[in-house]
Amino acid sequence: MFRAAVRRALDLRLISSANLADEDDRSRSDLERLFLRFCRRHRLPPPEVNAHVGRDEVDFLWRGQRVVVEMDSWRHHGHRSAFESDRAKDARLQALGYRVLRFTWRQIRETPDEVASALRAVLGWR
């Protein structure tokens, strides 16, 4: 119940993720928590969670490597306006020099080694 309240406060921008010590509390969805566990399991460097880059908030950020990961669920990204918005966001981030990777729940669950390999290559993390 506490985590749900924290996620709601983050959604309403009553608090920011900088106010939270536990990175799992900084996530806003089960998919984001799944990705954080995925990063730990695959020994990837910990990302910033729900960080700001320019005018956009991104799900995960490796600022030093200029890499962004966005987690796309069908529920929130499976319609035209989200598709268009996501493409515009990617273009803004790329114009600022960031590489943007998008992953889905299915990719994290069904092809985790492939996702980890792609992320390691982009991060320069072996």
Protein backbone atom coordinates (compact mmCIF):
# COMPACT_ATOMS: atom_id res chain seq x y z
CA MET A 1 0.00 0.00 0.00
CA PHE A 2 2.86 2.38 0.82
CA ARG A 3 4.49 1.85 -2.59
CA ALA A 4 1.19 2.47 -4.33
CA ALA A 5 0.87 5.78 -2.45
CA VAL A 6 4.44 6.72 -3.37
CA ARG A 7 3.81 5.89 -7.04
CA ARG A 8 0.64 7.99 -7.00
CA ALA A 9 2.50 10.92 -5.41
CA LEU A 10 5.16 10.62 -8.14
CA ASP A 11 2.46 10.55 -10.83
CA LEU A 12 0.86 13.68 -9.40
CA ARG A 13 4.30 15.30 -9.09
CA LEU A 14 3.79 15.87 -5.38
CA ILE A 15 7.26 14.41 -4.84
CA SER A 16 10.16 13.69 -7.16
CA SER A 17 12.22 10.54 -7.44
CA ALA A 18 15.17 12.48 -6.01
CA ASN A 19 13.31 12.41 -2.66
CA LEU A 20 13.37 8.61 -2.54
CA ALA A 21 16.22 6.43 -1.30
CA ASP A 22 15.03 3.05 -2.64
CA GLU A 23 15.18 2.84 -6.44
CA ASP A 24 12.21 0.44 -6.50
CA ASP A 25 10.13 3.21 -4.90
CA ARG A 26 11.13 5.55 -7.74
CA SER A 27 9.48 3.37 -10.33
CA ARG A 28 5.90 4.08 -11.33
CA SER A 29 4.83 0.73 -12.68
CA ASP A 30 5.27 -3.00 -12.41
CA LEU A 31 7.03 -2.91 -15.78
CA GLU A 32 9.58 -0.41 -14.48
CA ARG A 33 10.18 -2.54 -11.37
CA LEU A 34 10.60 -5.58 -13.63
CA PHE A 35 13.26 -3.70 -15.60
CA LEU A 36 15.14 -2.67 -12.43
CA ARG A 37 15.22 -6.31 -11.31
CA PHE A 38 16.33 -7.26 -14.82
CA CYS A 39 19.25 -4.78 -14.58
CA ARG A 40 20.35 -6.21 -11.23
CA ARG A 41 20.01 -9.80 -12.43
CA HIS A 42 22.11 -9.09 -15.53
CA ARG A 43 24.64 -7.03 -13.56
CA LEU A 44 24.04 -3.88 -15.56
CA PRO A 45 24.97 -0.54 -14.03
CA PRO A 46 22.04 0.99 -12.15
CA PRO A 47 20.18 3.66 -14.13
CA GLU A 48 18.56 6.84 -12.94
CA VAL A 49 14.81 6.22 -12.69
CA ASN A 50 12.20 8.62 -14.10
CA ALA A 51 14.90 11.19 -14.83
CA HIS A 52 14.62 14.44 -16.76
CA VAL A 53 16.46 15.07 -20.02
CA GLY A 54 15.68 18.39 -21.60
CA ARG A 55 11.92 18.84 -21.44
CA ASP A 56 11.23 15.10 -21.24
CA GLU A 57 11.02 12.61 -18.45
CA VAL A 58 12.51 9.23 -19.34
CA ASP A 59 11.97 5.88 -17.68
CA PHE A 60 15.66 5.00 -17.29
CA LEU A 61 18.80 6.99 -17.92
CA TRP A 62 22.51 6.31 -17.97
CA ARG A 63 23.54 9.96 -18.14
CA GLY A 64 27.29 9.41 -18.56
CA GLN A 65 26.74 7.11 -21.54
CA ARG A 66 23.87 9.25 -22.88
CA VAL A 67 21.57 6.22 -23.06
CA VAL A 68 17.83 6.21 -22.41
CA VAL A 69 15.61 3.16 -22.02
CA GLU A 70 11.87 3.51 -22.33
CA MET A 71 9.59 0.66 -21.27
CA ASP A 72 6.61 0.38 -23.58
CA SER A 73 3.48 -1.41 -22.47
CA TRP A 74 0.69 -2.06 -24.94
CA ARG A 75 -1.75 -0.60 -22.43
CA HIS A 76 -0.09 2.83 -22.43
CA HIS A 77 1.62 2.89 -25.83
CA GLY A 78 -0.72 0.85 -28.03
CA HIS A 79 -2.58 3.68 -29.75
CA ARG A 80 -1.81 6.30 -32.38
CA SER A 81 -1.36 9.32 -30.10
CA ALA A 82 1.12 7.46 -27.86
CA PHE A 83 2.95 6.16 -30.93
CA GLU A 84 3.26 9.70 -32.34
CA SER A 85 4.24 11.14 -28.96
CA ASP A 86 6.90 8.47 -28.46
CA ARG A 87 8.45 9.18 -31.88
CA ALA A 88 8.56 12.92 -31.17
CA LYS A 89 10.16 12.30 -27.77
CA ASP A 90 12.76 10.00 -29.34
CA ALA A 91 13.61 12.68 -31.91
CA ARG A 92 14.07 15.33 -29.20
CA LEU A 93 16.31 13.03 -27.15
CA GLN A 94 18.35 12.02 -30.19
CA ALA A 95 18.80 15.68 -31.13
CA LEU A 96 20.35 16.14 -27.66
CA GLY A 97 22.77 13.29 -28.37
CA TYR A 98 21.03 10.44 -26.51
CA ARG A 99 20.55 6.90 -27.77
CA VAL A 100 17.03 5.70 -27.08
CA LEU A 101 16.16 2.03 -26.67
CA ARG A 102 12.59 0.84 -26.22
CA PHE A 103 11.73 -2.51 -24.67
CA THR A 104 8.49 -4.29 -23.85
CA TRP A 105 7.43 -6.58 -21.03
CA ARG A 106 7.50 -9.50 -23.47
CA GLN A 107 11.09 -8.76 -24.52
CA ILE A 108 12.26 -8.54 -20.89
CA ARG A 109 10.49 -11.81 -20.03
CA GLU A 110 11.01 -13.87 -23.19
CA THR A 111 14.35 -12.69 -24.61
CA PRO A 112 16.22 -11.28 -21.61
CA ASP A 113 19.68 -12.31 -22.83
CA GLU A 114 19.10 -10.53 -26.14
CA VAL A 115 17.95 -7.37 -24.36
CA ALA A 116 20.88 -7.49 -21.94
CA SER A 117 23.33 -7.99 -24.79
CA ALA A 118 21.93 -5.01 -26.73
CA LEU A 119 21.99 -2.82 -23.63
CA ARG A 120 25.54 -3.87 -22.71
CA ALA A 121 26.74 -3.03 -26.22
CA VAL A 122 25.16 0.44 -26.17
CA LEU A 123 26.43 1.14 -22.64
CA GLY A 124 29.91 -0.17 -23.43
CA TRP A 125 29.49 -2.50 -20.43
CA ARG A 126 30.96 -5.98 -20.76
